[in-house]
């Protein structure tokens, strides 16, 4: 099963710290943490590169997904191992961002035209766009409830529904599930792992851990209940929204 590696180690010999938002030196192209990112901090001896592109994105603004039709900005973007471009979690798989290295050169132009057409349709929605999106979200939730799986003993008035995006290599890409809003995020992860047959070593040391993320890459707090998470992030997290379950390095 392919797993995502988030963060990189600082190249400074006396540091080697794992940084979740590493910086690339514009001269020597090595990876450094925030403390050693400047050329003076890591004693850089390489000559300045005139053609080096400097990424001015900040944690506050985030880095925009390379897919043209996607407007999501990630604090921790995922680099595609094939085309080496950075994408959001939703488009991290090569087939999701129409990777140019998949040997599909003959259909690449058609896919680009399809993306432009999708963007054009969204722009033409005009004043009815917000109402339409709200209506589509309600319809999607109704459909989700028809085939969602979960603990049948969960009271209906406590149930909350999510479309779970599973790690690459899973038998299915997504799974509609329901949980009790009173459950902790940790218990929710255990339930997803059991239902979807995912390797779960959250209670072992050391090992990669299963964690839940919103599609904007915000990680849900393990000890918080789903109800508390929704209360704090009601604009992006609600019944019917998508969550990503992914393996991350243990801190």
C-alpha atoms as a PDB file:
ATOM      1  CA  UNK A   1       0.000   0.000   0.000  1.00  0.00           C
ATOM      2  CA  UNK A   2       1.415   3.373  -1.011  1.00  0.00           C
ATOM      3  CA  UNK A   3       1.729   5.803   1.872  1.00  0.00           C
ATOM      4  CA  UNK A   4       2.129   9.558   2.007  1.00  0.00           C
ATOM      5  CA  UNK A   5       5.202  11.077   3.578  1.00  0.00           C
ATOM      6  CA  UNK A   6       4.512  14.455   5.119  1.00  0.00           C
ATOM      7  CA  UNK A   7       7.453  16.710   5.961  1.00  0.00           C
ATOM      8  CA  UNK A   8      11.201  16.414   5.350  1.00  0.00           C
ATOM      9  CA  UNK A   9      14.329  16.463   7.496  1.00  0.00           C
ATOM     10  CA  UNK A  10      16.526  19.534   7.669  1.00  0.00           C
ATOM     11  CA  UNK A  11      19.796  19.020   5.732  1.00  0.00           C
ATOM     12  CA  UNK A  12      21.866  21.030   8.235  1.00  0.00           C
ATOM     13  CA  UNK A  13      24.302  18.490   9.720  1.00  0.00           C
ATOM     14  CA  UNK A  14      23.719  19.438  13.372  1.00  0.00           C
ATOM     15  CA  UNK A  15      19.948  19.759  13.036  1.00  0.00           C
ATOM     16  CA  UNK A  16      18.232  16.970  11.017  1.00  0.00           C
ATOM     17  CA  UNK A  17      14.868  18.148  12.383  1.00  0.00           C
ATOM     18  CA  UNK A  18      11.667  16.822  10.722  1.00  0.00           C
ATOM     19  CA  UNK A  19       9.903  19.951   9.444  1.00  0.00           C
ATOM     20  CA  UNK A  20       6.313  19.777   8.203  1.00  0.00           C
ATOM     21  CA  UNK A  21       6.779  22.908   6.107  1.00  0.00           C
ATOM     22  CA  UNK A  22      10.354  22.593   4.826  1.00  0.00           C
ATOM     23  CA  UNK A  23      12.154  25.206   2.740  1.00  0.00           C
ATOM     24  CA  UNK A  24      14.338  24.682  -0.316  1.00  0.00           C
ATOM     25  CA  UNK A  25      17.485  26.812  -0.545  1.00  0.00           C
ATOM     26  CA  UNK A  26      17.484  28.827  -3.773  1.00  0.00           C
ATOM     27  CA  UNK A  27      21.237  28.347  -4.162  1.00  0.00           C
ATOM     28  CA  UNK A  28      22.184  24.798  -3.125  1.00  0.00           C
ATOM     29  CA  UNK A  29      18.629  23.372  -3.500  1.00  0.00           C
ATOM     30  CA  UNK A  30      18.925  21.462  -0.202  1.00  0.00           C
ATOM     31  CA  UNK A  31      15.999  21.143   2.240  1.00  0.00           C
ATOM     32  CA  UNK A  32      16.068  23.081   5.541  1.00  0.00           C
ATOM     33  CA  UNK A  33      13.815  23.828   8.506  1.00  0.00           C
ATOM     34  CA  UNK A  34      12.566  27.323   9.366  1.00  0.00           C
ATOM     35  CA  UNK A  35      15.581  28.031  11.603  1.00  0.00           C
ATOM     36  CA  UNK A  36      18.168  27.138   8.933  1.00  0.00           C
ATOM     37  CA  UNK A  37      16.366  28.238   5.757  1.00  0.00           C
ATOM     38  CA  UNK A  38      18.493  31.357   5.144  1.00  0.00           C
ATOM     39  CA  UNK A  39      21.851  31.001   3.361  1.00  0.00           C
ATOM     40  CA  UNK A  40      23.707  32.449   6.353  1.00  0.00           C
ATOM     41  CA  UNK A  41      21.977  30.093   8.815  1.00  0.00           C
ATOM     42  CA  UNK A  42      23.176  26.965   6.993  1.00  0.00           C
ATOM     43  CA  UNK A  43      26.494  28.461   5.784  1.00  0.00           C
ATOM     44  CA  UNK A  44      25.564  28.096   2.129  1.00  0.00           C
ATOM     45  CA  UNK A  45      28.551  28.164  -0.240  1.00  0.00           C
ATOM     46  CA  UNK A  46      26.648  27.658  -3.502  1.00  0.00           C
ATOM     47  CA  UNK A  47      26.401  30.499  -6.019  1.00  0.00           C
ATOM     48  CA  UNK A  48      23.003  32.221  -6.466  1.00  0.00           C
ATOM     49  CA  UNK A  49      20.927  30.698  -9.264  1.00  0.00           C
ATOM     50  CA  UNK A  50      19.474  33.342 -11.551  1.00  0.00           C
ATOM     51  CA  UNK A  51      16.731  31.079 -12.898  1.00  0.00           C
ATOM     52  CA  UNK A  52      15.580  29.717  -9.539  1.00  0.00           C
ATOM     53  CA  UNK A  53      11.897  30.322  -8.891  1.00  0.00           C
ATOM     54  CA  UNK A  54      11.153  31.433  -5.353  1.00  0.00           C
ATOM     55  CA  UNK A  55       7.922  30.245  -3.760  1.00  0.00           C
ATOM     56  CA  UNK A  56       6.450  33.183  -1.848  1.00  0.00           C
ATOM     57  CA  UNK A  57       3.589  31.158  -0.383  1.00  0.00           C
ATOM     58  CA  UNK A  58       3.219  31.350   3.392  1.00  0.00           C
ATOM     59  CA  UNK A  59       1.489  29.000   5.848  1.00  0.00           C
ATOM     60  CA  UNK A  60      -1.288  31.576   6.095  1.00  0.00           C
ATOM     61  CA  UNK A  61      -1.963  31.685   2.349  1.00  0.00           C
ATOM     62  CA  UNK A  62      -1.090  28.067   1.596  1.00  0.00           C
ATOM     63  CA  UNK A  63       0.253  26.629  -1.647  1.00  0.00           C
ATOM     64  CA  UNK A  64      -2.272  26.372  -4.482  1.00  0.00           C
ATOM     65  CA  UNK A  65      -2.956  22.942  -5.961  1.00  0.00           C
ATOM     66  CA  UNK A  66      -1.184  22.649  -9.332  1.00  0.00           C
ATOM     67  CA  UNK A  67      -4.407  21.391 -10.975  1.00  0.00           C
ATOM     68  CA  UNK A  68      -5.725  24.433 -12.850  1.00  0.00           C
ATOM     69  CA  UNK A  69      -9.402  23.877 -12.042  1.00  0.00           C
ATOM     70  CA  UNK A  70      -8.759  23.393  -8.294  1.00  0.00           C
ATOM     71  CA  UNK A  71      -8.677  26.415  -5.963  1.00  0.00           C
ATOM     72  CA  UNK A  72      -7.656  24.549  -2.781  1.00  0.00           C
ATOM     73  CA  UNK A  73      -4.548  25.853  -0.981  1.00  0.00           C
ATOM     74  CA  UNK A  74      -2.615  23.437   1.187  1.00  0.00           C
ATOM     75  CA  UNK A  75      -0.304  24.087   4.127  1.00  0.00           C
ATOM     76  CA  UNK A  76       1.190  20.648   3.466  1.00  0.00           C
ATOM     77  CA  UNK A  77       0.943  19.964  -0.299  1.00  0.00           C
ATOM     78  CA  UNK A  78       1.748  16.517  -1.693  1.00  0.00           C
ATOM     79  CA  UNK A  79       4.340  16.234  -4.470  1.00  0.00           C
ATOM     80  CA  UNK A  80       3.509  13.768  -7.245  1.00  0.00           C
ATOM     81  CA  UNK A  81       6.344  11.263  -7.629  1.00  0.00           C
ATOM     82  CA  UNK A  82       5.724  11.105 -11.391  1.00  0.00           C
ATOM     83  CA  UNK A  83       5.425  14.731 -12.576  1.00  0.00           C
ATOM     84  CA  UNK A  84       7.000  16.319  -9.416  1.00  0.00           C
ATOM     85  CA  UNK A  85       4.245  18.969  -9.149  1.00  0.00           C
ATOM     86  CA  UNK A  86       2.509  19.812  -5.846  1.00  0.00           C
ATOM     87  CA  UNK A  87      -1.185  19.017  -5.360  1.00  0.00           C
ATOM     88  CA  UNK A  88      -3.835  19.147  -2.651  1.00  0.00           C
ATOM     89  CA  UNK A  89      -4.807  15.951  -0.819  1.00  0.00           C
ATOM     90  CA  UNK A  90      -7.893  15.518  -3.027  1.00  0.00           C
ATOM     91  CA  UNK A  91      -5.813  15.491  -6.229  1.00  0.00           C
ATOM     92  CA  UNK A  92      -2.693  13.797  -4.844  1.00  0.00           C
ATOM     93  CA  UNK A  93      -3.056  10.612  -6.917  1.00  0.00           C
ATOM     94  CA  UNK A  94      -1.760  10.725 -10.551  1.00  0.00           C
ATOM     95  CA  UNK A  95      -5.109   9.689 -11.989  1.00  0.00           C
ATOM     96  CA  UNK A  96      -6.876  12.472 -10.043  1.00  0.00           C
ATOM     97  CA  UNK A  97      -4.764  15.268 -11.551  1.00  0.00           C
ATOM     98  CA  UNK A  98      -4.422  13.670 -15.022  1.00  0.00           C
ATOM     99  CA  UNK A  99      -0.691  13.179 -14.550  1.00  0.00           C
ATOM    100  CA  UNK A 100       1.243  13.812 -17.752  1.00  0.00           C
ATOM    101  CA  UNK A 101       3.564  10.894 -16.960  1.00  0.00           C
ATOM    102  CA  UNK A 102       0.908   8.181 -17.062  1.00  0.00           C
ATOM    103  CA  UNK A 103       1.431   7.539 -20.756  1.00  0.00           C
ATOM    104  CA  UNK A 104      -1.820   9.209 -21.776  1.00  0.00           C
ATOM    105  CA  UNK A 105      -0.324  11.844 -24.072  1.00  0.00           C
ATOM    106  CA  UNK A 106      -2.948  11.269 -26.740  1.00  0.00           C
ATOM    107  CA  UNK A 107      -5.812  12.191 -24.436  1.00  0.00           C
ATOM    108  CA  UNK A 108      -4.120  15.011 -22.492  1.00  0.00           C
ATOM    109  CA  UNK A 109      -5.562  17.799 -24.686  1.00  0.00           C
ATOM    110  CA  UNK A 110      -9.085  16.420 -24.309  1.00  0.00           C
ATOM    111  CA  UNK A 111      -8.737  16.334 -20.540  1.00  0.00           C
ATOM    112  CA  UNK A 112      -7.492  19.934 -20.431  1.00  0.00           C
ATOM    113  CA  UNK A 113     -10.462  21.046 -22.539  1.00  0.00           C
ATOM    114  CA  UNK A 114     -12.761  19.190 -20.152  1.00  0.00           C
ATOM    115  CA  UNK A 115     -11.269  21.065 -17.181  1.00  0.00           C
ATOM    116  CA  UNK A 116     -11.727  24.421 -18.912  1.00  0.00           C
ATOM    117  CA  UNK A 117     -15.328  23.539 -19.764  1.00  0.00           C
ATOM    118  CA  UNK A 118     -16.013  22.673 -16.107  1.00  0.00           C
ATOM    119  CA  UNK A 119     -14.596  26.007 -14.946  1.00  0.00           C
ATOM    120  CA  UNK A 120     -16.634  27.847 -17.594  1.00  0.00           C
ATOM    121  CA  UNK A 121     -19.871  26.188 -16.448  1.00  0.00           C
ATOM    122  CA  UNK A 122     -19.200  27.179 -12.841  1.00  0.00           C
ATOM    123  CA  UNK A 123     -18.599  30.779 -13.869  1.00  0.00           C
ATOM    124  CA  UNK A 124     -21.908  30.846 -15.783  1.00  0.00           C
ATOM    125  CA  UNK A 125     -23.984  29.831 -12.782  1.00  0.00           C
ATOM    126  CA  UNK A 126     -24.178  33.472 -11.704  1.00  0.00           C
ATOM    127  CA  UNK A 127     -26.540  34.441  -8.912  1.00  0.00           C
ATOM    128  CA  UNK A 128     -28.081  30.989  -8.660  1.00  0.00           C
ATOM    129  CA  UNK A 129     -24.711  29.353  -7.996  1.00  0.00           C
ATOM    130  CA  UNK A 130     -24.853  29.428  -4.174  1.00  0.00           C
ATOM    131  CA  UNK A 131     -28.443  28.148  -4.068  1.00  0.00           C
ATOM    132  CA  UNK A 132     -27.568  25.436  -6.572  1.00  0.00           C
ATOM    133  CA  UNK A 133     -24.554  24.271  -4.553  1.00  0.00           C
ATOM    134  CA  UNK A 134     -26.639  24.169  -1.380  1.00  0.00           C
ATOM    135  CA  UNK A 135     -29.309  22.119  -3.125  1.00  0.00           C
ATOM    136  CA  UNK A 136     -26.690  19.745  -4.558  1.00  0.00           C
ATOM    137  CA  UNK A 137     -25.178  19.257  -1.083  1.00  0.00           C
ATOM    138  CA  UNK A 138     -28.584  18.289   0.347  1.00  0.00           C
ATOM    139  CA  UNK A 139     -29.238  15.853  -2.497  1.00  0.00           C
ATOM    140  CA  UNK A 140     -25.760  14.330  -2.038  1.00  0.00           C
ATOM    141  CA  UNK A 141     -26.426  13.832   1.690  1.00  0.00           C
ATOM    142  CA  UNK A 142     -29.745  12.109   0.956  1.00  0.00           C
ATOM    143  CA  UNK A 143     -28.016   9.741  -1.476  1.00  0.00           C
ATOM    144  CA  UNK A 144     -25.217   9.133   1.023  1.00  0.00           C
ATOM    145  CA  UNK A 145     -27.721   8.059   3.685  1.00  0.00           C
ATOM    146  CA  UNK A 146     -29.115   5.390   1.365  1.00  0.00           C
ATOM    147  CA  UNK A 147     -25.893   3.375   1.188  1.00  0.00           C
ATOM    148  CA  UNK A 148     -23.817   4.581   4.157  1.00  0.00           C
ATOM    149  CA  UNK A 149     -22.520   1.897   6.544  1.00  0.00           C
ATOM    150  CA  UNK A 150     -21.778   2.126  10.242  1.00  0.00           C
ATOM    151  CA  UNK A 151     -22.612   0.830  13.717  1.00  0.00           C
ATOM    152  CA  UNK A 152     -26.341   0.005  13.540  1.00  0.00           C
ATOM    153  CA  UNK A 153     -26.694   0.579  17.294  1.00  0.00           C
ATOM    154  CA  UNK A 154     -25.954   4.291  16.837  1.00  0.00           C
ATOM    155  CA  UNK A 155     -29.166   6.297  17.524  1.00  0.00           C
ATOM    156  CA  UNK A 156     -30.458   8.014  14.391  1.00  0.00           C
ATOM    157  CA  UNK A 157     -30.542  11.427  16.048  1.00  0.00           C
ATOM    158  CA  UNK A 158     -26.800  11.082  16.830  1.00  0.00           C
ATOM    159  CA  UNK A 159     -25.714   9.938  13.361  1.00  0.00           C
ATOM    160  CA  UNK A 160     -23.465  12.106  11.222  1.00  0.00           C
ATOM    161  CA  UNK A 161     -22.495  11.147   7.685  1.00  0.00           C
ATOM    162  CA  UNK A 162     -19.179  11.515   5.838  1.00  0.00           C
ATOM    163  CA  UNK A 163     -17.744  10.408   2.514  1.00  0.00           C
ATOM    164  CA  UNK A 164     -14.396   8.862   3.494  1.00  0.00           C
ATOM    165  CA  UNK A 165     -11.537   9.108   0.958  1.00  0.00           C
ATOM    166  CA  UNK A 166      -9.382   6.040   1.533  1.00  0.00           C
ATOM    167  CA  UNK A 167      -5.585   5.679   1.075  1.00  0.00           C
ATOM    168  CA  UNK A 168      -4.252   4.711  -2.348  1.00  0.00           C
ATOM    169  CA  UNK A 169      -4.261   0.953  -2.797  1.00  0.00           C
ATOM    170  CA  UNK A 170      -7.574   0.404  -0.979  1.00  0.00           C
ATOM    171  CA  UNK A 171     -10.209  -1.794  -2.635  1.00  0.00           C
ATOM    172  CA  UNK A 172     -12.450   1.255  -3.083  1.00  0.00           C
ATOM    173  CA  UNK A 173     -11.573   4.946  -3.399  1.00  0.00           C
ATOM    174  CA  UNK A 174     -14.398   6.266  -1.206  1.00  0.00           C
ATOM    175  CA  UNK A 175     -16.736   4.874   1.439  1.00  0.00           C
ATOM    176  CA  UNK A 176     -19.968   6.463   2.697  1.00  0.00           C
ATOM    177  CA  UNK A 177     -20.181   5.942   6.466  1.00  0.00           C
ATOM    178  CA  UNK A 178     -22.067   7.214   9.493  1.00  0.00           C
ATOM    179  CA  UNK A 179     -20.841   7.686  13.059  1.00  0.00           C
ATOM    180  CA  UNK A 180     -22.130   8.995  16.359  1.00  0.00           C
ATOM    181  CA  UNK A 181     -21.421  12.703  16.727  1.00  0.00           C
ATOM    182  CA  UNK A 182     -20.476  11.945  20.327  1.00  0.00           C
ATOM    183  CA  UNK A 183     -17.587   9.684  19.276  1.00  0.00           C
ATOM    184  CA  UNK A 184     -14.020  10.910  19.547  1.00  0.00           C
ATOM    185  CA  UNK A 185     -12.011  11.336  16.362  1.00  0.00           C
ATOM    186  CA  UNK A 186      -9.804   8.457  17.549  1.00  0.00           C
ATOM    187  CA  UNK A 187     -12.763   6.078  17.867  1.00  0.00           C
ATOM    188  CA  UNK A 188     -14.007   7.223  14.443  1.00  0.00           C
ATOM    189  CA  UNK A 189     -10.621   6.333  12.902  1.00  0.00           C
ATOM    190  CA  UNK A 190     -10.753   2.871  14.526  1.00  0.00           C
ATOM    191  CA  UNK A 191     -14.244   2.306  13.102  1.00  0.00           C
ATOM    192  CA  UNK A 192     -13.143   3.323   9.592  1.00  0.00           C
ATOM    193  CA  UNK A 193     -10.079   1.067   9.782  1.00  0.00           C
ATOM    194  CA  UNK A 194     -12.168  -1.909  10.940  1.00  0.00           C
ATOM    195  CA  UNK A 195     -14.902  -1.419   8.310  1.00  0.00           C
ATOM    196  CA  UNK A 196     -12.511  -0.727   5.401  1.00  0.00           C
ATOM    197  CA  UNK A 197      -9.894  -3.281   6.518  1.00  0.00           C
ATOM    198  CA  UNK A 198      -7.074  -0.759   6.881  1.00  0.00           C
ATOM    199  CA  UNK A 199      -3.896  -1.544   8.796  1.00  0.00           C
ATOM    200  CA  UNK A 200      -4.254   0.231  12.126  1.00  0.00           C
ATOM    201  CA  UNK A 201      -1.217   0.520  14.406  1.00  0.00           C
ATOM    202  CA  UNK A 202      -2.246   3.691  16.218  1.00  0.00           C
ATOM    203  CA  UNK A 203      -1.558   2.001  19.554  1.00  0.00           C
ATOM    204  CA  UNK A 204       1.925   0.772  18.612  1.00  0.00           C
ATOM    205  CA  UNK A 205       5.268   2.575  18.855  1.00  0.00           C
ATOM    206  CA  UNK A 206       6.940   3.393  16.568  1.00  0.00           C
ATOM    207  CA  UNK A 207       4.662   3.183  13.515  1.00  0.00           C
ATOM    208  CA  UNK A 208       2.826   5.306  11.003  1.00  0.00           C
ATOM    209  CA  UNK A 209      -0.508   6.492  12.343  1.00  0.00           C
ATOM    210  CA  UNK A 210      -3.927   6.761  10.736  1.00  0.00           C
ATOM    211  CA  UNK A 211      -5.255  10.313  10.941  1.00  0.00           C
ATOM    212  CA  UNK A 212      -8.350  12.129   9.648  1.00  0.00           C
ATOM    213  CA  UNK A 213      -8.111  15.300   7.558  1.00  0.00           C
ATOM    214  CA  UNK A 214     -10.551  17.708   5.995  1.00  0.00           C
ATOM    215  CA  UNK A 215     -10.044  18.204   2.243  1.00  0.00           C
ATOM    216  CA  UNK A 216      -8.416  21.559   3.088  1.00  0.00           C
ATOM    217  CA  UNK A 217      -5.691  19.443   4.836  1.00  0.00           C
ATOM    218  CA  UNK A 218      -6.686  20.454   8.390  1.00  0.00           C
ATOM    219  CA  UNK A 219      -6.131  17.481  10.707  1.00  0.00           C
ATOM    220  CA  UNK A 220      -8.898  16.584  13.149  1.00  0.00           C
ATOM    221  CA  UNK A 221      -7.844  16.426  16.796  1.00  0.00           C
ATOM    222  CA  UNK A 222      -7.721  12.827  18.041  1.00  0.00           C
ATOM    223  CA  UNK A 223      -9.232  13.508  21.480  1.00  0.00           C
ATOM    224  CA  UNK A 224     -12.012  15.833  20.265  1.00  0.00           C
ATOM    225  CA  UNK A 225     -15.516  14.552  19.567  1.00  0.00           C
ATOM    226  CA  UNK A 226     -16.973  14.891  16.082  1.00  0.00           C
ATOM    227  CA  UNK A 227     -19.561  17.253  17.549  1.00  0.00           C
ATOM    228  CA  UNK A 228     -16.814  19.533  18.906  1.00  0.00           C
ATOM    229  CA  UNK A 229     -14.918  19.482  15.586  1.00  0.00           C
ATOM    230  CA  UNK A 230     -18.074  20.456  13.655  1.00  0.00           C
ATOM    231  CA  UNK A 231     -18.858  23.215  16.143  1.00  0.00           C
ATOM    232  CA  UNK A 232     -15.381  24.740  15.683  1.00  0.00           C
ATOM    233  CA  UNK A 233     -15.290  24.345  11.891  1.00  0.00           C
ATOM    234  CA  UNK A 234     -18.937  24.444  10.795  1.00  0.00           C
ATOM    235  CA  UNK A 235     -18.185  26.177   7.490  1.00  0.00           C
ATOM    236  CA  UNK A 236     -16.013  23.334   6.182  1.00  0.00           C
ATOM    237  CA  UNK A 237     -17.076  20.347   8.310  1.00  0.00           C
ATOM    238  CA  UNK A 238     -20.687  19.145   8.349  1.00  0.00           C
ATOM    239  CA  UNK A 239     -22.813  16.056   7.820  1.00  0.00           C
ATOM    240  CA  UNK A 240     -22.334  15.036   4.184  1.00  0.00           C
ATOM    241  CA  UNK A 241     -18.845  16.508   3.727  1.00  0.00           C
ATOM    242  CA  UNK A 242     -15.690  14.612   2.793  1.00  0.00           C
ATOM    243  CA  UNK A 243     -12.913  13.431   5.084  1.00  0.00           C
ATOM    244  CA  UNK A 244      -9.556  11.909   4.137  1.00  0.00           C
ATOM    245  CA  UNK A 245      -8.036   9.082   6.178  1.00  0.00           C
ATOM    246  CA  UNK A 246      -4.296   8.848   5.634  1.00  0.00           C
ATOM    247  CA  UNK A 247      -1.125   7.407   7.134  1.00  0.00           C
ATOM    248  CA  UNK A 248       1.302   9.958   8.602  1.00  0.00           C
ATOM    249  CA  UNK A 249       4.642   9.709  10.363  1.00  0.00           C
ATOM    250  CA  UNK A 250       4.387   9.461  14.141  1.00  0.00           C
ATOM    251  CA  UNK A 251       5.599  12.675  15.800  1.00  0.00           C
END
